[in-house]
N, C-alpha and C. Protein backbone atom coordinates (compact mmCIF):
# COMPACT_ATOMS: atom_id res chain seq x y z
N MET A 1 6.62 -9.38 -27.18
CA MET A 1 6.68 -9.64 -25.75
C MET A 1 5.28 -10.03 -25.27
N THR A 2 5.20 -11.05 -24.47
CA THR A 2 3.89 -11.49 -23.98
C THR A 2 3.39 -10.56 -22.90
N ASP A 3 2.10 -10.62 -22.64
CA ASP A 3 1.49 -9.81 -21.59
C ASP A 3 2.13 -10.10 -20.24
N HIS A 4 2.41 -11.39 -19.98
CA HIS A 4 3.03 -11.79 -18.72
C HIS A 4 4.41 -11.16 -18.57
N ALA A 5 5.20 -11.20 -19.61
CA ALA A 5 6.54 -10.62 -19.57
C ALA A 5 6.46 -9.10 -19.41
N GLU A 6 5.47 -8.47 -20.06
CA GLU A 6 5.28 -7.02 -19.91
C GLU A 6 4.94 -6.66 -18.48
N ARG A 7 4.13 -7.48 -17.84
CA ARG A 7 3.76 -7.20 -16.45
C ARG A 7 4.99 -7.30 -15.54
N TRP A 8 5.88 -8.24 -15.82
CA TRP A 8 7.10 -8.34 -15.02
C TRP A 8 8.02 -7.16 -15.27
N THR A 9 7.96 -6.59 -16.48
CA THR A 9 8.69 -5.35 -16.74
C THR A 9 8.10 -4.23 -15.89
N ASP A 10 6.77 -4.22 -15.75
CA ASP A 10 6.10 -3.24 -14.89
C ASP A 10 6.52 -3.43 -13.42
N VAL A 11 6.66 -4.69 -13.00
CA VAL A 11 7.11 -4.98 -11.64
C VAL A 11 8.51 -4.40 -11.44
N ARG A 12 9.40 -4.66 -12.39
CA ARG A 12 10.77 -4.16 -12.31
C ARG A 12 10.78 -2.63 -12.18
N THR A 13 9.98 -1.96 -13.00
CA THR A 13 9.91 -0.50 -12.99
C THR A 13 9.38 0.01 -11.65
N ALA A 14 8.30 -0.59 -11.16
CA ALA A 14 7.69 -0.15 -9.90
C ALA A 14 8.63 -0.37 -8.72
N ILE A 15 9.31 -1.51 -8.71
CA ILE A 15 10.25 -1.79 -7.63
C ILE A 15 11.41 -0.80 -7.68
N GLY A 16 11.92 -0.56 -8.87
CA GLY A 16 13.01 0.41 -9.02
C GLY A 16 12.62 1.79 -8.52
N THR A 17 11.39 2.21 -8.85
CA THR A 17 10.89 3.52 -8.40
C THR A 17 10.76 3.55 -6.89
N ALA A 18 10.17 2.50 -6.32
CA ALA A 18 9.98 2.45 -4.86
C ALA A 18 11.32 2.44 -4.14
N MET A 19 12.28 1.69 -4.65
CA MET A 19 13.59 1.65 -4.02
C MET A 19 14.28 3.01 -4.12
N ALA A 20 14.17 3.65 -5.26
CA ALA A 20 14.77 4.98 -5.43
C ALA A 20 14.13 5.99 -4.48
N ASP A 21 12.80 5.92 -4.36
CA ASP A 21 12.09 6.82 -3.45
C ASP A 21 12.56 6.66 -2.01
N LYS A 22 12.89 5.43 -1.64
CA LYS A 22 13.35 5.14 -0.28
C LYS A 22 14.85 5.32 -0.13
N GLY A 23 15.56 5.49 -1.25
CA GLY A 23 17.01 5.57 -1.20
C GLY A 23 17.64 4.23 -0.90
N TRP A 24 16.99 3.15 -1.34
CA TRP A 24 17.43 1.79 -1.02
C TRP A 24 18.26 1.18 -2.14
N ALA A 25 19.20 0.36 -1.74
CA ALA A 25 19.90 -0.55 -2.64
C ALA A 25 19.26 -1.93 -2.44
N GLN A 26 19.66 -2.89 -3.26
CA GLN A 26 19.09 -4.24 -3.11
C GLN A 26 19.34 -4.81 -1.72
N ALA A 27 20.48 -4.49 -1.13
CA ALA A 27 20.78 -5.00 0.21
C ALA A 27 19.75 -4.50 1.23
N ASP A 28 19.27 -3.27 1.04
CA ASP A 28 18.25 -2.74 1.95
C ASP A 28 16.93 -3.49 1.80
N LEU A 29 16.58 -3.81 0.55
CA LEU A 29 15.36 -4.57 0.31
C LEU A 29 15.48 -5.99 0.87
N ILE A 30 16.65 -6.58 0.74
CA ILE A 30 16.88 -7.91 1.30
C ILE A 30 16.67 -7.88 2.81
N ARG A 31 17.27 -6.88 3.47
CA ARG A 31 17.12 -6.76 4.93
C ARG A 31 15.67 -6.51 5.32
N ALA A 32 15.01 -5.61 4.62
CA ALA A 32 13.64 -5.23 5.00
C ALA A 32 12.63 -6.35 4.74
N SER A 33 12.87 -7.14 3.70
CA SER A 33 11.90 -8.19 3.33
C SER A 33 12.22 -9.54 3.94
N GLY A 34 13.49 -9.79 4.22
CA GLY A 34 13.89 -11.11 4.72
C GLY A 34 13.94 -12.16 3.62
N VAL A 35 13.95 -11.72 2.36
CA VAL A 35 14.00 -12.62 1.21
C VAL A 35 15.46 -12.74 0.77
N SER A 36 15.84 -13.92 0.26
CA SER A 36 17.23 -14.16 -0.12
C SER A 36 17.70 -13.22 -1.21
N ASP A 37 19.01 -12.97 -1.24
CA ASP A 37 19.57 -12.07 -2.25
C ASP A 37 19.34 -12.59 -3.67
N TYR A 38 19.43 -13.90 -3.86
CA TYR A 38 19.20 -14.50 -5.18
C TYR A 38 17.78 -14.20 -5.67
N THR A 39 16.80 -14.41 -4.81
CA THR A 39 15.41 -14.19 -5.18
C THR A 39 15.12 -12.71 -5.38
N ILE A 40 15.64 -11.87 -4.50
CA ILE A 40 15.45 -10.42 -4.65
C ILE A 40 16.03 -9.96 -5.98
N ARG A 41 17.22 -10.42 -6.31
CA ARG A 41 17.86 -10.02 -7.57
C ARG A 41 16.96 -10.38 -8.76
N LYS A 42 16.38 -11.57 -8.74
CA LYS A 42 15.50 -11.99 -9.83
C LYS A 42 14.23 -11.13 -9.89
N ILE A 43 13.63 -10.89 -8.75
CA ILE A 43 12.39 -10.10 -8.71
C ILE A 43 12.67 -8.65 -9.12
N VAL A 44 13.73 -8.06 -8.58
CA VAL A 44 14.09 -6.68 -8.90
C VAL A 44 14.38 -6.53 -10.39
N ASN A 45 14.94 -7.55 -10.99
CA ASN A 45 15.23 -7.52 -12.43
C ASN A 45 14.00 -7.84 -13.28
N GLY A 46 12.88 -8.12 -12.62
CA GLY A 46 11.63 -8.38 -13.34
C GLY A 46 11.62 -9.72 -14.05
N GLU A 47 12.32 -10.69 -13.50
CA GLU A 47 12.36 -12.02 -14.12
C GLU A 47 11.13 -12.82 -13.71
N PRO A 48 10.31 -13.21 -14.68
CA PRO A 48 9.15 -14.04 -14.35
C PRO A 48 9.61 -15.34 -13.68
N GLY A 49 8.83 -15.79 -12.75
CA GLY A 49 9.16 -17.03 -12.06
C GLY A 49 7.97 -17.54 -11.28
N ASN A 50 8.14 -18.70 -10.71
CA ASN A 50 7.09 -19.28 -9.87
C ASN A 50 7.38 -18.95 -8.41
N TYR A 51 7.28 -17.67 -8.09
CA TYR A 51 7.57 -17.21 -6.73
C TYR A 51 6.37 -17.53 -5.84
N ARG A 52 6.67 -17.97 -4.63
CA ARG A 52 5.59 -18.20 -3.66
C ARG A 52 4.91 -16.87 -3.33
N ASP A 53 3.62 -16.95 -3.08
CA ASP A 53 2.87 -15.75 -2.70
C ASP A 53 3.48 -15.08 -1.48
N SER A 54 3.97 -15.88 -0.55
CA SER A 54 4.55 -15.31 0.67
C SER A 54 5.80 -14.49 0.37
N ILE A 55 6.57 -14.89 -0.63
CA ILE A 55 7.78 -14.15 -1.02
C ILE A 55 7.37 -12.80 -1.63
N LEU A 56 6.42 -12.84 -2.56
CA LEU A 56 5.95 -11.60 -3.19
C LEU A 56 5.34 -10.67 -2.15
N ALA A 57 4.64 -11.25 -1.18
CA ALA A 57 4.03 -10.45 -0.12
C ALA A 57 5.10 -9.76 0.73
N LYS A 58 6.17 -10.47 1.07
CA LYS A 58 7.24 -9.87 1.88
C LYS A 58 7.90 -8.71 1.15
N VAL A 59 8.16 -8.88 -0.14
CA VAL A 59 8.79 -7.82 -0.92
C VAL A 59 7.83 -6.63 -1.04
N SER A 60 6.58 -6.92 -1.33
CA SER A 60 5.57 -5.85 -1.45
C SER A 60 5.43 -5.07 -0.15
N LYS A 61 5.36 -5.79 0.96
CA LYS A 61 5.19 -5.15 2.26
C LYS A 61 6.39 -4.25 2.58
N ALA A 62 7.58 -4.72 2.25
CA ALA A 62 8.78 -3.92 2.51
C ALA A 62 8.77 -2.63 1.68
N LEU A 63 8.30 -2.72 0.45
CA LEU A 63 8.35 -1.56 -0.45
C LEU A 63 7.17 -0.61 -0.29
N TRP A 64 5.98 -1.17 -0.15
CA TRP A 64 4.77 -0.34 -0.16
C TRP A 64 3.96 -0.42 1.12
N GLY A 65 4.40 -1.23 2.08
CA GLY A 65 3.65 -1.36 3.33
C GLY A 65 2.37 -2.15 3.17
N ASP A 66 2.27 -2.89 2.08
CA ASP A 66 1.06 -3.63 1.73
C ASP A 66 1.51 -4.92 1.07
N ALA A 67 0.95 -6.02 1.46
CA ALA A 67 1.40 -7.33 0.97
C ALA A 67 0.98 -7.65 -0.46
N HIS A 68 0.17 -6.81 -1.09
CA HIS A 68 -0.38 -7.16 -2.40
C HIS A 68 0.14 -6.32 -3.56
N GLY A 69 1.17 -5.53 -3.34
CA GLY A 69 1.67 -4.63 -4.38
C GLY A 69 2.07 -5.32 -5.66
N ILE A 70 2.90 -6.34 -5.58
CA ILE A 70 3.36 -7.03 -6.78
C ILE A 70 2.20 -7.75 -7.45
N THR A 71 1.33 -8.35 -6.66
CA THR A 71 0.16 -9.02 -7.22
C THR A 71 -0.70 -8.03 -8.00
N ARG A 72 -0.90 -6.83 -7.46
CA ARG A 72 -1.67 -5.81 -8.16
C ARG A 72 -1.03 -5.45 -9.50
N ILE A 73 0.30 -5.31 -9.52
CA ILE A 73 0.99 -4.98 -10.76
C ILE A 73 0.79 -6.10 -11.78
N LEU A 74 0.95 -7.34 -11.34
CA LEU A 74 0.79 -8.48 -12.25
C LEU A 74 -0.64 -8.58 -12.79
N GLU A 75 -1.59 -8.01 -12.07
CA GLU A 75 -2.99 -7.98 -12.52
C GLU A 75 -3.29 -6.73 -13.34
N GLY A 76 -2.26 -5.90 -13.56
CA GLY A 76 -2.43 -4.71 -14.38
C GLY A 76 -2.72 -3.44 -13.62
N GLY A 77 -2.61 -3.48 -12.29
CA GLY A 77 -2.91 -2.30 -11.47
C GLY A 77 -1.66 -1.62 -10.97
N GLU A 78 -1.86 -0.80 -9.97
CA GLU A 78 -0.78 -0.06 -9.31
C GLU A 78 -0.38 -0.79 -8.04
N PRO A 79 0.88 -0.63 -7.60
CA PRO A 79 1.36 -1.38 -6.44
C PRO A 79 0.74 -0.99 -5.11
N SER A 80 0.46 0.28 -4.92
CA SER A 80 -0.07 0.69 -3.63
C SER A 80 -1.58 0.84 -3.69
N ALA A 81 -2.20 0.58 -2.56
CA ALA A 81 -3.67 0.63 -2.49
C ALA A 81 -4.09 2.07 -2.35
N GLY A 82 -4.56 2.66 -3.42
CA GLY A 82 -5.05 4.03 -3.39
C GLY A 82 -6.53 4.04 -3.66
N ALA A 83 -7.02 5.13 -4.18
CA ALA A 83 -8.45 5.24 -4.48
C ALA A 83 -8.85 4.17 -5.47
N GLY A 84 -9.93 3.51 -5.17
CA GLY A 84 -10.44 2.49 -6.05
C GLY A 84 -9.82 1.13 -5.84
N HIS A 85 -8.94 0.97 -4.87
CA HIS A 85 -8.32 -0.32 -4.60
C HIS A 85 -8.87 -0.86 -3.29
N GLU A 86 -8.67 -2.14 -3.09
CA GLU A 86 -9.25 -2.78 -1.92
C GLU A 86 -8.71 -2.23 -0.61
N GLY A 87 -7.51 -1.69 -0.55
CA GLY A 87 -6.92 -1.20 0.69
C GLY A 87 -7.58 0.05 1.23
N GLU A 88 -8.27 0.81 0.38
CA GLU A 88 -8.87 2.06 0.81
C GLU A 88 -9.92 1.82 1.89
N ASP A 89 -10.80 0.89 1.70
CA ASP A 89 -11.83 0.61 2.69
C ASP A 89 -11.23 0.14 3.99
N SER A 90 -10.16 -0.65 3.93
CA SER A 90 -9.58 -1.16 5.17
C SER A 90 -9.02 -0.01 6.01
N SER A 91 -8.46 1.04 5.39
CA SER A 91 -7.98 2.20 6.14
C SER A 91 -9.15 2.89 6.83
N ASP A 92 -10.25 3.05 6.11
CA ASP A 92 -11.43 3.66 6.70
C ASP A 92 -11.94 2.82 7.87
N GLU A 93 -11.92 1.50 7.70
CA GLU A 93 -12.38 0.62 8.76
C GLU A 93 -11.53 0.75 10.02
N VAL A 94 -10.24 0.92 9.86
CA VAL A 94 -9.34 1.09 11.00
C VAL A 94 -9.69 2.38 11.74
N VAL A 95 -9.87 3.46 10.98
CA VAL A 95 -10.21 4.74 11.60
C VAL A 95 -11.55 4.64 12.31
N VAL A 96 -12.52 4.01 11.69
CA VAL A 96 -13.83 3.83 12.32
C VAL A 96 -13.68 3.05 13.62
N ALA A 97 -12.91 1.99 13.59
CA ALA A 97 -12.72 1.17 14.80
C ALA A 97 -12.07 1.99 15.92
N ILE A 98 -11.09 2.80 15.56
CA ILE A 98 -10.43 3.64 16.57
C ILE A 98 -11.42 4.67 17.12
N LEU A 99 -12.17 5.29 16.21
CA LEU A 99 -13.12 6.31 16.65
C LEU A 99 -14.21 5.73 17.55
N ARG A 100 -14.57 4.50 17.31
CA ARG A 100 -15.61 3.86 18.13
C ARG A 100 -15.05 3.28 19.43
N SER A 101 -13.75 3.23 19.53
CA SER A 101 -13.11 2.61 20.69
C SER A 101 -13.45 3.35 21.98
N GLN A 102 -13.68 2.60 23.01
CA GLN A 102 -13.95 3.17 24.32
C GLN A 102 -12.65 3.49 25.05
N ARG A 103 -11.52 3.15 24.44
CA ARG A 103 -10.23 3.32 25.11
C ARG A 103 -9.55 4.64 24.78
N ILE A 104 -10.18 5.48 23.98
CA ILE A 104 -9.59 6.77 23.69
C ILE A 104 -10.49 7.86 24.26
N THR A 105 -9.86 8.97 24.62
CA THR A 105 -10.62 10.08 25.21
C THR A 105 -11.36 10.84 24.11
N ASP A 106 -12.29 11.68 24.53
CA ASP A 106 -13.02 12.51 23.56
C ASP A 106 -12.05 13.43 22.81
N ASP A 107 -11.07 13.97 23.54
CA ASP A 107 -10.10 14.85 22.88
C ASP A 107 -9.28 14.08 21.83
N GLN A 108 -8.87 12.85 22.16
CA GLN A 108 -8.13 12.04 21.19
C GLN A 108 -9.00 11.71 19.98
N ARG A 109 -10.26 11.40 20.25
CA ARG A 109 -11.20 11.08 19.17
C ARG A 109 -11.39 12.29 18.25
N ASP A 110 -11.57 13.48 18.84
CA ASP A 110 -11.73 14.70 18.05
C ASP A 110 -10.48 14.99 17.22
N LEU A 111 -9.32 14.81 17.80
CA LEU A 111 -8.07 15.06 17.08
C LEU A 111 -7.91 14.08 15.91
N LEU A 112 -8.17 12.81 16.15
CA LEU A 112 -8.06 11.81 15.08
C LEU A 112 -9.04 12.11 13.96
N LEU A 113 -10.26 12.44 14.29
CA LEU A 113 -11.26 12.75 13.28
C LEU A 113 -10.87 13.99 12.47
N THR A 114 -10.36 15.01 13.14
CA THR A 114 -9.91 16.22 12.45
C THR A 114 -8.76 15.91 11.50
N MET A 115 -7.79 15.13 11.97
CA MET A 115 -6.65 14.76 11.12
C MET A 115 -7.11 13.93 9.93
N TYR A 116 -8.00 12.99 10.18
CA TYR A 116 -8.48 12.12 9.10
C TYR A 116 -9.24 12.93 8.06
N ARG A 117 -10.11 13.81 8.51
CA ARG A 117 -10.88 14.63 7.57
C ARG A 117 -9.95 15.51 6.73
N GLY A 118 -8.90 16.04 7.35
CA GLY A 118 -7.93 16.84 6.61
C GLY A 118 -7.23 16.02 5.54
N ALA A 119 -6.85 14.80 5.89
CA ALA A 119 -6.19 13.92 4.92
C ALA A 119 -7.14 13.55 3.79
N VAL A 120 -8.39 13.28 4.12
CA VAL A 120 -9.38 12.95 3.10
C VAL A 120 -9.61 14.15 2.18
N ALA A 121 -9.67 15.34 2.75
CA ALA A 121 -9.89 16.54 1.94
C ALA A 121 -8.72 16.75 0.97
N ARG A 122 -7.50 16.55 1.44
CA ARG A 122 -6.33 16.69 0.56
C ARG A 122 -6.36 15.63 -0.53
N THR A 123 -6.71 14.40 -0.17
CA THR A 123 -6.78 13.31 -1.14
C THR A 123 -7.90 13.56 -2.12
N ALA A 124 -9.04 14.00 -1.63
CA ALA A 124 -10.19 14.25 -2.51
C ALA A 124 -9.87 15.35 -3.51
N GLY A 125 -9.15 16.36 -3.08
CA GLY A 125 -8.77 17.43 -3.99
C GLY A 125 -7.88 16.93 -5.10
N ALA A 126 -7.03 15.96 -4.78
CA ALA A 126 -6.11 15.42 -5.77
C ALA A 126 -6.78 14.38 -6.66
N LYS A 127 -7.74 13.63 -6.11
CA LYS A 127 -8.34 12.52 -6.85
C LYS A 127 -9.77 12.77 -7.27
N GLY A 128 -10.38 13.81 -6.74
CA GLY A 128 -11.76 14.10 -7.10
C GLY A 128 -12.78 13.21 -6.41
N SER A 129 -12.38 12.60 -5.30
CA SER A 129 -13.32 11.76 -4.57
C SER A 129 -13.10 11.93 -3.09
N GLY A 130 -14.02 11.47 -2.31
CA GLY A 130 -13.92 11.61 -0.87
C GLY A 130 -13.90 10.28 -0.18
N SER A 131 -14.26 10.31 1.07
CA SER A 131 -14.28 9.11 1.88
C SER A 131 -15.66 8.90 2.45
N PRO A 132 -15.99 7.67 2.78
CA PRO A 132 -17.29 7.42 3.39
C PRO A 132 -17.39 7.90 4.83
N ILE A 133 -16.28 8.29 5.44
CA ILE A 133 -16.32 8.74 6.83
C ILE A 133 -16.57 10.25 6.85
N HIS A 134 -17.73 10.64 7.38
CA HIS A 134 -18.07 12.05 7.46
C HIS A 134 -18.48 12.44 8.88
N GLY A 135 -18.21 11.65 9.82
CA GLY A 135 -18.52 11.97 11.20
C GLY A 135 -19.94 11.58 11.59
N GLU A 136 -20.91 12.32 11.14
CA GLU A 136 -22.30 12.08 11.53
C GLU A 136 -22.78 10.70 11.10
N HIS A 137 -22.39 10.26 9.92
CA HIS A 137 -22.81 8.97 9.39
C HIS A 137 -22.44 7.83 10.33
N HIS A 138 -21.27 7.92 10.95
CA HIS A 138 -20.79 6.86 11.81
C HIS A 138 -21.02 7.16 13.30
N GLY A 139 -21.62 8.28 13.58
CA GLY A 139 -21.93 8.61 14.95
C GLY A 139 -20.81 9.28 15.71
N PHE A 140 -19.85 9.88 15.01
CA PHE A 140 -18.82 10.65 15.68
C PHE A 140 -18.96 12.10 15.28
N GLY A 141 -18.40 12.98 16.11
CA GLY A 141 -18.31 14.41 15.78
C GLY A 141 -19.59 15.04 15.75
């Protein structure tokens, strides 16, 4: 089996796992992604093809909330952006932008920072790493 075919087997496995986690059938993925049933059937079965990036992005977004899941798998990675993936920094950037926003109250800012730090602490405990947001560094808290 070629490396390319193996990666499509990985796509099939990851999609199957994500659908099972969501309790979805193919019809649910078709509805959530807006991709045709024929194309979904091929992708779900891990059939290599010349799929448009926009199609893969729609399927990825429906399954993992991120447009690059299938692309990551085809590159040998994991479908969701976790530690060490490009999506991690973007989450931090969103939190930083919200914390710096003049449109939220001090109480809202404190609550968001507390929730974020708690999530980072739980993630760090599981992954052995932390986040670049520590409050003082960015001028909050």
